[in-house]
Protein backbone atom coordinates (compact mmCIF):
# COMPACT_ATOMS: atom_id res chain seq x y z
CA MET A 1 13.58 6.26 -7.03
CA ILE A 2 14.44 6.18 -3.33
CA ASN A 3 17.23 3.75 -2.44
CA LEU A 4 16.27 2.37 0.97
CA ALA A 5 19.55 0.45 1.16
CA LYS A 6 21.43 3.75 1.40
CA LEU A 7 19.72 4.75 4.63
CA THR A 8 21.79 4.55 7.81
CA GLU A 9 21.25 3.27 11.34
CA THR A 10 20.06 6.77 12.30
CA PRO A 11 16.30 7.23 11.79
CA THR A 12 15.33 9.45 8.85
CA LEU A 13 11.93 11.03 8.25
CA LEU A 14 10.95 9.06 5.16
CA ILE A 15 7.34 10.24 4.76
CA ASP A 16 6.09 13.50 6.29
CA ALA A 17 2.58 12.11 6.62
CA ARG A 18 1.50 14.12 9.69
CA CYS A 19 -0.87 11.38 10.81
CA SER A 20 -2.99 11.82 13.89
CA LEU A 21 -2.56 8.14 14.80
CA GLY A 22 -0.30 6.51 12.23
CA GLU A 23 -0.12 2.76 12.78
CA GLY A 24 0.47 -0.67 11.28
CA PRO A 25 3.22 -0.29 8.64
CA ARG A 26 3.36 -3.27 6.27
CA TRP A 27 5.76 -3.71 3.36
CA HIS A 28 4.33 -5.28 0.20
CA ARG A 29 7.29 -7.01 -1.42
CA GLN A 30 5.80 -7.49 -4.90
CA GLU A 31 4.43 -3.95 -5.17
CA ARG A 32 7.44 -2.38 -3.41
CA ARG A 33 5.00 -0.26 -1.45
CA LEU A 34 4.63 0.53 2.22
CA TYR A 35 1.07 0.47 3.55
CA TRP A 36 -0.10 1.92 6.86
CA VAL A 37 -3.17 3.51 8.48
CA ASP A 38 -4.19 6.71 10.23
CA ILE A 39 -6.78 5.34 12.63
CA ASP A 40 -8.19 8.68 13.79
CA ARG A 41 -8.70 9.97 10.24
CA LYS A 42 -10.09 6.63 8.96
CA LEU A 43 -7.40 6.42 6.29
CA LEU A 44 -5.46 3.64 4.60
CA LEU A 45 -2.25 4.97 3.03
CA ARG A 46 0.45 3.55 0.78
CA TRP A 47 3.82 4.87 -0.34
CA ASP A 48 5.50 3.84 -3.59
CA ALA A 49 9.24 3.29 -3.11
CA ALA A 50 9.92 3.87 -6.81
CA SER A 51 8.20 7.24 -7.16
CA GLY A 52 7.78 8.44 -3.58
CA ALA A 53 4.08 9.02 -4.25
CA VAL A 54 1.61 8.60 -1.39
CA GLU A 55 -1.98 7.52 -1.98
CA GLN A 56 -4.74 7.45 0.60
CA ARG A 57 -8.16 5.88 0.79
CA GLN A 58 -10.91 7.24 3.03
CA PHE A 59 -13.18 4.82 4.90
CA ASP A 60 -16.46 5.37 6.74
CA ALA A 61 -15.13 3.72 9.91
CA PRO A 62 -11.68 3.48 11.49
CA VAL A 63 -9.29 0.94 9.98
CA ALA A 64 -7.03 0.02 12.89
CA CYS A 65 -4.98 -2.74 11.28
CA PHE A 66 -4.83 -4.93 8.19
CA ALA A 67 -3.01 -7.77 6.47
CA PHE A 68 -2.41 -8.67 2.86
CA ARG A 69 -4.42 -11.59 1.43
CA ARG A 70 -2.92 -14.49 -0.52
CA ASP A 71 -5.02 -13.80 -3.61
CA GLY A 72 -4.84 -10.02 -3.42
CA GLY A 73 -6.65 -7.39 -1.41
CA LEU A 74 -6.65 -6.88 2.34
CA VAL A 75 -8.30 -8.09 5.51
CA LEU A 76 -9.12 -5.14 7.76
CA GLY A 77 -9.58 -4.79 11.51
CA MET A 78 -12.23 -2.07 11.82
CA LYS A 79 -14.55 -0.53 14.39
CA ASP A 80 -17.00 -3.41 14.78
CA GLY A 81 -14.99 -6.38 13.52
CA CYS A 82 -13.14 -7.57 10.44
CA ALA A 83 -13.79 -6.92 6.76
CA LEU A 84 -12.32 -7.74 3.35
CA ILE A 85 -11.49 -5.68 0.29
CA ASP A 86 -10.44 -7.31 -2.99
CA GLY A 87 -8.30 -4.36 -4.08
CA TRP A 88 -7.38 -0.77 -3.31
CA ASP A 89 -10.68 0.69 -4.57
CA ALA A 90 -12.88 -2.35 -3.89
CA PRO A 91 -15.94 -2.17 -1.63
CA VAL A 92 -15.69 -3.13 2.04
CA VAL A 93 -17.32 -6.48 2.84
CA PRO A 94 -17.79 -7.42 6.52
CA PHE A 95 -16.17 -10.79 7.25
CA GLY A 96 -16.89 -12.86 10.33
CA PRO A 97 -18.91 -11.84 13.40
CA GLN A 98 -19.01 -8.10 14.06
CA VAL A 99 -18.42 -8.67 17.76
CA LEU A 100 -17.90 -5.01 18.70
CA ALA A 101 -21.06 -3.67 17.06
CA GLY A 102 -23.10 -1.73 19.59
CA LYS A 103 -20.03 -1.10 21.76
CA PRO A 104 -19.16 2.56 21.11
CA ARG A 105 -16.14 2.57 23.44
CA HIS A 106 -14.53 -0.42 21.72
CA ARG A 107 -12.85 -1.04 18.36
CA MET A 108 -10.33 -3.41 16.86
CA ASN A 109 -6.77 -2.23 17.38
CA ASP A 110 -3.73 -4.26 16.32
CA GLY A 111 -3.43 -7.43 14.25
CA ARG A 112 -1.05 -9.83 12.51
CA THR A 113 -1.32 -12.95 10.38
CA ASP A 114 0.39 -16.14 11.52
CA PRO A 115 2.37 -18.39 9.15
CA ALA A 116 -0.70 -20.60 8.63
CA GLY A 117 -2.70 -17.66 7.27
CA ARG A 118 -4.86 -16.93 10.33
CA PHE A 119 -5.42 -13.27 11.26
CA TRP A 120 -5.00 -12.42 14.95
CA VAL A 121 -6.58 -9.13 15.97
CA GLY A 122 -6.96 -7.49 19.37
CA SER A 123 -9.48 -4.93 20.54
CA LEU A 124 -9.25 -1.95 22.86
CA ASN A 125 -11.50 -0.19 25.33
CA GLY A 126 -11.18 3.49 24.49
CA ALA A 127 -12.49 4.55 27.89
CA LYS A 128 -9.86 2.39 29.62
CA ASP A 129 -12.21 1.94 32.56
CA VAL A 130 -12.66 -1.84 32.32
CA GLU A 131 -10.20 -4.56 31.33
CA ASP A 132 -12.47 -6.09 28.71
CA ALA A 133 -10.38 -5.97 25.52
CA THR A 134 -9.88 -9.30 23.77
CA LEU A 135 -7.43 -11.03 21.45
CA TYR A 136 -9.26 -12.84 18.63
CA ARG A 137 -8.20 -15.27 15.90
CA LEU A 138 -9.90 -14.99 12.51
CA ASP A 139 -9.70 -18.14 10.38
CA ALA A 140 -9.84 -18.17 6.59
CA ASN A 141 -13.47 -19.38 6.67
CA GLY A 142 -14.61 -16.41 8.77
CA THR A 143 -14.67 -18.18 12.13
CA LEU A 144 -13.73 -15.74 14.90
CA THR A 145 -12.43 -17.21 18.16
CA ALA A 146 -11.79 -15.29 21.38
CA ILE A 147 -8.32 -16.32 22.57
CA GLU A 148 -7.54 -14.15 25.59
CA SER A 149 -9.37 -11.33 27.38
CA GLY A 150 -8.94 -9.20 30.49
CA MET A 151 -6.97 -6.44 28.74
CA THR A 152 -7.43 -2.73 28.08
CA THR A 153 -5.41 -2.21 24.87
CA CYS A 154 -4.36 -5.33 22.97
CA ASN A 155 -1.28 -4.35 20.98
CA GLY A 156 1.98 -5.44 19.37
CA ALA A 157 0.92 -8.74 17.77
CA ALA A 158 3.78 -10.54 15.98
CA PHE A 159 4.76 -14.11 15.11
CA PHE A 160 8.10 -15.83 14.74
CA ALA A 161 8.41 -19.27 13.18
CA GLY A 162 11.95 -20.46 13.78
CA LEU A 163 13.73 -23.75 13.24
CA SER A 164 15.76 -25.52 15.86
CA ARG A 165 19.31 -26.40 14.77
CA SER A 166 18.40 -30.07 14.21
CA GLN A 167 15.37 -29.13 12.13
CA ALA A 168 17.43 -26.71 10.07
CA ASN A 169 20.08 -29.37 9.48
CA ALA A 170 17.46 -31.95 8.48
CA ALA A 171 15.49 -29.70 6.16
CA ASP A 172 16.25 -29.14 2.50
CA PHE A 173 16.06 -25.39 1.95
CA THR A 174 17.77 -25.30 -1.44
CA GLY A 175 16.17 -22.71 -3.65
CA LEU A 176 13.80 -21.31 -1.06
CA SER A 177 13.06 -17.62 -0.81
CA ARG A 178 14.12 -15.77 2.32
CA SER A 179 10.55 -15.87 3.65
CA GLN A 180 10.35 -19.65 3.14
CA ALA A 181 13.76 -20.16 4.71
CA ASN A 182 12.45 -18.30 7.74
CA ALA A 183 9.43 -20.63 7.67
CA ALA A 184 7.13 -17.70 6.98
CA ASP A 185 5.55 -19.26 3.89
CA PHE A 186 5.03 -23.02 3.52
CA THR A 187 3.28 -22.87 0.14
CA GLY A 188 4.95 -25.09 -2.43
CA LEU A 189 7.43 -26.77 -0.10
CA SER A 190 8.76 -30.25 -0.86
CA ARG A 191 7.73 -33.13 1.42
CA SER A 192 10.95 -32.93 3.43
CA GLN A 193 10.55 -29.18 3.80
CA ALA A 194 6.91 -29.53 4.83
CA ASN A 195 7.76 -32.21 7.38
CA ALA A 196 10.34 -29.93 8.94
CA ALA A 197 7.91 -27.02 8.89
CA GLU A 198 5.29 -28.99 10.84
CA ASN A 199 7.65 -29.20 13.80
CA ILE A 200 8.71 -25.58 13.81
CA ASN A 201 8.63 -23.81 17.15
CA TRP A 202 6.36 -20.79 16.72
CA ARG A 203 6.35 -17.86 19.11
CA PHE A 204 3.82 -15.06 19.53
CA CYS A 205 4.28 -11.74 21.30
CA HIS A 206 1.86 -8.97 22.16
CA SER A 207 1.19 -6.41 24.89
CA ASP A 208 -1.61 -5.05 26.98
CA THR A 209 -0.11 -1.59 26.58
CA PRO A 210 -1.13 -0.05 29.96
CA SER A 211 0.60 -2.93 31.76
CA HIS A 212 3.95 -1.91 30.20
CA ALA A 213 4.67 -5.64 29.72
CA VAL A 214 5.44 -7.60 26.54
CA ARG A 215 3.96 -11.09 26.74
CA ALA A 216 5.31 -14.15 24.93
CA TYR A 217 3.65 -17.48 24.13
CA ASP A 218 4.36 -20.75 22.39
CA VAL A 219 2.04 -21.45 19.45
CA ASP A 220 0.78 -24.79 18.17
CA PRO A 221 1.17 -24.48 14.37
CA ALA A 222 -1.75 -26.78 13.54
CA SER A 223 -4.42 -25.51 15.93
CA GLY A 224 -3.17 -22.03 16.69
CA ALA A 225 -3.47 -22.71 20.42
CA LEU A 226 -1.33 -20.55 22.71
CA SER A 227 0.55 -21.95 25.71
CA ASN A 228 3.35 -21.15 28.15
CA ARG A 229 2.40 -17.51 28.63
CA ARG A 230 5.20 -15.50 30.20
CA ILE A 231 6.41 -11.91 30.51
CA LEU A 232 9.14 -11.37 27.93
CA HIS A 233 10.01 -7.93 29.29
CA GLN A 234 8.51 -5.60 31.89
CA PHE A 235 9.18 -1.97 31.02
CA GLU A 236 9.41 0.72 33.67
CA ARG A 237 6.29 2.85 33.92
CA GLY A 238 6.51 6.51 32.96
CA VAL A 239 6.56 9.03 30.13
CA GLY A 240 9.67 10.48 28.52
CA PRO A 241 12.96 9.47 26.89
CA GLY A 242 13.94 6.02 28.10
CA LEU A 243 10.39 5.29 29.26
CA GLY A 244 7.04 5.04 27.45
CA ARG A 245 4.77 2.05 27.02
CA PRO A 246 4.93 -0.80 24.49
CA ASP A 247 2.91 -0.29 21.33
CA GLY A 248 3.33 -2.10 17.99
CA GLY A 249 6.08 -4.64 17.42
CA SER A 250 7.68 -7.05 14.94
CA PHE A 251 10.17 -9.94 14.91
CA ASP A 252 13.40 -10.02 12.98
CA ALA A 253 14.94 -13.16 11.46
CA GLU A 254 17.05 -13.77 14.58
CA GLY A 255 13.93 -14.16 16.70
CA CYS A 256 14.34 -10.78 18.39
CA TYR A 257 11.23 -8.69 19.06
CA TRP A 258 11.32 -4.99 18.27
CA VAL A 259 8.74 -2.74 19.93
CA ALA A 260 7.83 0.94 19.57
CA MET A 261 7.59 2.78 22.89
CA PHE A 262 4.68 5.24 22.78
CA ASP A 263 5.59 8.38 24.76
CA GLY A 264 9.12 6.99 25.02
CA TRP A 265 10.83 8.51 21.94
CA ARG A 266 12.39 5.16 20.97
CA VAL A 267 12.12 1.63 19.65
CA VAL A 268 13.67 -1.27 21.54
CA ARG A 269 15.05 -4.62 20.36
CA LEU A 270 14.54 -7.51 22.80
CA SER A 271 16.36 -10.85 22.68
CA PRO A 272 14.37 -14.12 22.76
CA LYS A 273 15.05 -14.07 26.52
CA GLY A 274 13.76 -10.52 26.91
CA GLU A 275 17.10 -8.75 27.26
CA VAL A 276 17.41 -5.24 25.80
CA LEU A 277 19.85 -5.56 22.90
CA ARG A 278 19.42 -2.22 21.17
CA ILE A 279 17.65 1.10 21.66
CA VAL A 280 17.04 3.40 18.70
CA GLU A 281 16.17 6.96 19.71
CA LEU A 282 13.64 8.85 17.58
CA PRO A 283 13.01 12.60 17.22
CA VAL A 284 9.31 12.12 18.04
CA GLN A 285 7.58 11.35 21.31
CA ARG A 286 4.97 8.92 20.07
CA PRO A 287 6.28 6.14 17.83
CA THR A 288 3.49 3.63 17.36
CA MET A 289 4.83 0.60 15.49
CA ILE A 290 7.91 -0.84 13.83
CA ALA A 291 7.96 -3.23 10.86
CA PHE A 292 10.54 -4.28 8.28
CA GLY A 293 10.80 -4.27 4.52
CA GLY A 294 12.74 -3.08 1.52
CA ASP A 295 14.23 -5.45 -1.02
CA ASP A 296 16.52 -7.08 1.54
CA GLY A 297 14.21 -6.84 4.55
CA ARG A 298 16.74 -4.69 6.40
CA THR A 299 14.86 -1.39 6.39
CA ALA A 300 12.91 -0.64 9.56
CA PHE A 301 9.79 1.51 9.17
CA VAL A 302 8.34 3.29 12.22
CA THR A 303 4.97 5.04 12.23
CA SER A 304 4.17 7.81 14.71
CA ALA A 305 1.34 9.93 16.09
CA THR A 306 0.46 13.55 16.80
CA THR A 307 -2.66 12.81 18.82
CA GLY A 308 -2.64 14.42 22.24
CA LEU A 309 0.38 16.64 21.58
CA ASP A 310 -0.04 20.35 22.30
CA GLU A 311 1.17 23.16 20.03
CA ALA A 312 4.52 23.46 21.78
CA ALA A 313 5.20 19.73 21.43
CA LEU A 314 4.22 19.76 17.76
CA ALA A 315 6.51 22.71 17.10
CA ALA A 316 9.38 20.85 18.76
CA GLN A 317 8.68 17.67 16.79
CA PRO A 318 8.24 18.69 13.13
CA GLY A 319 8.26 15.06 11.99
CA ALA A 320 5.54 13.89 14.39
CA GLY A 321 2.93 11.77 12.64
CA GLY A 322 5.42 10.79 9.96
CA VAL A 323 7.02 7.50 8.96
CA PHE A 324 10.67 7.09 9.91
CA ALA A 325 13.15 4.59 8.47
CA PHE A 326 16.56 3.23 9.39
CA ARG A 327 18.75 0.24 8.56
CA VAL A 328 19.17 -2.90 10.68
CA GLU A 329 21.61 -5.82 10.58
CA ALA A 330 19.15 -8.72 10.89
CA PRO A 331 16.36 -8.67 8.28
CA GLY A 332 12.76 -8.69 9.39
CA MET A 333 10.28 -11.48 8.81
CA ASP A 334 8.17 -11.23 5.67
CA GLU A 335 4.52 -10.43 6.36
CA ASN A 336 2.34 -13.54 6.27
CA ALA A 337 -0.72 -13.39 4.02
CA PHE A 338 -4.25 -14.03 5.26
CA GLY A 339 -5.76 -17.19 3.80
CA GLY A 340 -9.30 -15.85 3.41
């Protein structure tokens, strides 16, 4: 059994997966497994924290992102649109409009579920010649709504549902799990808890990666409408240590947004105001996403990629394509489950 709590603040190569385009790490609390994908190889992978065993499932089309479902199984963001599987070996069932069918340069890219159980998934234009990628919202009934377009690579989707001080003082959180206390799961709340949850201030962050900017929005919990779009942080353009472009990201329980910097050899923690609070250097050039898990939520998992690296770069980065892990002070937010 691997004790994640004994890791340090220095990144360790946890899984030598050698993915071409490793992405989308998600910790399954009940299973104590880490799931992620290798988009280029059309693989879904999972690592068992108890045994260290890695399983993989091959698909016929790229799986770019996914989320756990409330009743088991996964929702997948694939080449043409979204799909469902009821379990690890279950058949793939298309779900909702396949809006990218017939568009060979496009596929779904990055996605996250909000606290109400809606799956938000963004597309990309692989040719990067037109800004026509779109952020979509998939509801539990299969309705797919285009939310924002005019992008090239929609990336880094993450939600934070935080209480104001007055709401926290007014709410009765006795006996709640950590995810409920962070307002990440409203199922089974008392009336006072539910009333407080309805007024929670939700935030959403994502990036159009080539812009090097992380965007932030306010979210209406009931409708899912986005408002008050602003630039949380504008990163300097360039490739190399201290540079890179924003890829996948996640919130921690303090409302800070962590983002992996592709071609930047690092992950960065941003305050709610967009200030750089922490930089964690990695021994690989192309980290792709950061997410949190472990029994206490204080283990950071970072996927990475080998795609585009030449032989010299691969020789200098023996852990490239692997999953790295390190410890953090503030726990991450539990992953929200899709309601469909």
